[in-house]
Protein backbone atom coordinates (compact mmCIF):
# COMPACT_ATOMS: atom_id res chain seq x y z
CA UNK A 1 -9.90 -18.32 -17.13
CA UNK A 2 -9.18 -16.64 -13.84
CA UNK A 3 -10.89 -13.46 -12.63
CA UNK A 4 -8.65 -10.57 -11.63
CA UNK A 5 -9.72 -7.34 -9.87
CA UNK A 6 -11.69 -6.05 -12.86
CA UNK A 7 -10.83 -8.29 -15.74
CA UNK A 8 -9.94 -11.79 -16.75
CA UNK A 9 -6.85 -13.83 -17.62
CA UNK A 10 -6.46 -16.78 -19.95
CA UNK A 11 -3.47 -19.14 -20.13
CA UNK A 12 -2.62 -20.65 -23.53
CA UNK A 13 -1.76 -24.34 -23.75
CA UNK A 14 1.83 -25.22 -24.54
CA UNK A 15 4.91 -23.16 -23.98
CA UNK A 16 6.70 -20.38 -25.84
CA UNK A 17 9.79 -21.04 -27.93
CA UNK A 18 12.51 -18.51 -28.74
CA UNK A 19 11.98 -16.79 -32.08
CA UNK A 20 8.28 -17.60 -32.40
CA UNK A 21 6.15 -14.63 -33.46
CA UNK A 22 2.84 -14.31 -31.59
CA UNK A 23 -0.05 -12.20 -32.84
CA UNK A 24 -3.09 -11.79 -30.58
CA UNK A 25 -6.22 -10.30 -32.13
CA UNK A 26 -9.33 -9.80 -30.02
CA UNK A 27 -12.40 -7.62 -29.77
CA UNK A 28 -13.77 -6.11 -26.56
CA UNK A 29 -17.06 -4.28 -26.10
CA UNK A 30 -19.19 -2.65 -23.41
CA UNK A 31 -22.73 -4.05 -22.99
CA UNK A 32 -23.65 -1.45 -20.34
CA UNK A 33 -25.12 2.04 -20.35
CA UNK A 34 -21.94 3.70 -19.12
CA UNK A 35 -18.29 3.68 -20.25
CA UNK A 36 -15.27 1.64 -19.18
CA UNK A 37 -11.57 1.88 -20.02
CA UNK A 38 -9.79 -1.37 -20.82
CA UNK A 39 -6.40 -2.62 -21.96
CA UNK A 40 -5.10 -5.97 -23.14
CA UNK A 41 -1.73 -7.46 -22.26
CA UNK A 42 0.41 -10.42 -23.29
CA UNK A 43 2.04 -11.70 -20.12
CA UNK A 44 4.75 -14.26 -19.29
CA UNK A 45 3.09 -16.17 -16.47
CA UNK A 46 6.19 -18.23 -15.63
CA UNK A 47 8.39 -15.14 -15.14
CA UNK A 48 5.54 -12.92 -13.86
CA UNK A 49 6.43 -10.23 -16.41
CA UNK A 50 4.61 -8.13 -18.99
CA UNK A 51 5.57 -8.82 -22.61
CA UNK A 52 3.47 -6.17 -24.37
CA UNK A 53 0.64 -3.93 -23.19
CA UNK A 54 -1.96 -2.20 -25.35
CA UNK A 55 -2.93 1.40 -24.87
CA UNK A 56 -6.03 2.07 -22.79
CA UNK A 57 -9.22 2.28 -24.87
CA UNK A 58 -12.51 3.80 -23.75
CA UNK A 59 -15.55 1.65 -24.50
CA UNK A 60 -18.69 3.74 -24.63
CA UNK A 61 -22.19 2.37 -24.03
CA UNK A 62 -23.80 -0.10 -26.40
CA UNK A 63 -23.18 -3.57 -27.79
CA UNK A 64 -22.06 -2.19 -31.15
CA UNK A 65 -19.13 -0.29 -29.64
CA UNK A 66 -16.34 -2.80 -30.28
CA UNK A 67 -12.62 -2.13 -30.04
CA UNK A 68 -10.19 -4.43 -31.79
CA UNK A 69 -6.84 -5.01 -30.12
CA UNK A 70 -3.85 -6.50 -31.96
CA UNK A 71 -0.66 -7.27 -30.06
CA UNK A 72 2.54 -8.62 -31.67
CA UNK A 73 5.41 -10.20 -29.76
CA UNK A 74 8.49 -12.22 -30.73
CA UNK A 75 9.57 -14.64 -27.99
CA UNK A 76 13.09 -14.17 -26.67
CA UNK A 77 15.48 -16.90 -25.52
CA UNK A 78 14.48 -16.12 -21.91
CA UNK A 79 10.81 -16.92 -22.78
CA UNK A 80 11.55 -20.48 -23.96
CA UNK A 81 9.47 -23.02 -22.03
CA UNK A 82 7.35 -20.34 -20.34
CA UNK A 83 3.54 -20.03 -20.31
CA UNK A 84 1.88 -17.27 -22.34
CA UNK A 85 -1.12 -15.52 -20.79
CA UNK A 86 -3.49 -12.84 -22.08
CA UNK A 87 -4.85 -10.33 -19.55
CA UNK A 88 -7.95 -8.20 -20.10
CA UNK A 89 -8.14 -5.41 -17.53
CA UNK A 90 -10.80 -2.82 -16.67
CA UNK A 91 -9.11 0.37 -15.52
CA UNK A 92 -11.72 2.71 -14.06
CA UNK A 93 -12.77 0.86 -10.92
CA UNK A 94 -15.05 3.68 -9.75
CA UNK A 95 -17.21 3.53 -12.87
CA UNK A 96 -20.77 2.25 -12.55
CA UNK A 97 -20.16 -0.03 -15.55
CA UNK A 98 -17.41 -2.41 -14.55
CA UNK A 99 -18.27 -5.09 -17.08
CA UNK A 100 -16.97 -5.64 -20.56
CA UNK A 101 -17.32 -8.52 -22.99
CA UNK A 102 -14.63 -10.33 -24.96
CA UNK A 103 -15.20 -11.61 -28.48
CA UNK A 104 -13.20 -13.27 -31.27
CA UNK A 105 -9.95 -14.12 -29.51
CA UNK A 106 -7.32 -15.36 -31.94
CA UNK A 107 -3.68 -16.23 -31.38
CA UNK A 108 -1.44 -17.02 -34.32
CA UNK A 109 2.06 -18.39 -33.87
CA UNK A 110 4.70 -18.35 -36.59
CA UNK A 111 7.97 -20.16 -36.04
CA UNK A 112 10.89 -18.10 -37.32
CA UNK A 113 13.86 -20.18 -38.47
CA UNK A 114 17.07 -19.69 -36.56
CA UNK A 115 19.81 -17.77 -38.37
CA UNK A 116 22.01 -20.88 -38.52
CA UNK A 117 19.25 -22.81 -40.33
CA UNK A 118 18.83 -20.00 -42.85
CA UNK A 119 22.61 -19.78 -43.34
CA UNK A 120 22.88 -23.53 -43.95
CA UNK A 121 20.08 -23.38 -46.52
CA UNK A 122 21.88 -20.51 -48.25
CA UNK A 123 25.16 -22.41 -48.31
CA UNK A 124 23.36 -25.44 -49.74
CA UNK A 125 21.96 -23.27 -52.55
CA UNK A 126 25.42 -21.87 -53.31
CA UNK A 127 26.87 -25.40 -53.35
CA UNK A 128 24.22 -26.49 -55.89
CA UNK A 129 24.99 -23.50 -58.11
CA UNK A 130 28.73 -24.18 -57.93
CA UNK A 131 28.17 -27.86 -58.75
CA UNK A 132 26.24 -26.98 -61.90
CA UNK A 133 29.00 -24.66 -63.13
CA UNK A 134 31.75 -27.26 -62.96
């Protein structure tokens, strides 16, 4: 993890592949006696570009005040081979409570078959059906 102005970043191992569907689910809470606004972002570190950014959420005081963030992104051809990063950012720098805590970070990746693979499987099924008829 790397500290940023008011927040933290985390780089995931491995690289993105075109067509993969990424779902990030995480909880953030405020352990202080004041409030803080935060957002969560999926970021392409290799290209230095934002992939998807959550809306800003206000975390009020108290450990029980969790916010769950879920971000979904499908990697494009231009993302192939690039490093995926998650960014947690505190937004109100003048607040007396500049801390927030991160809990239950989960990243799921689902490989989506390419259209040509799906088409070939479909043609194979049609060929089997035709073979049985004759």
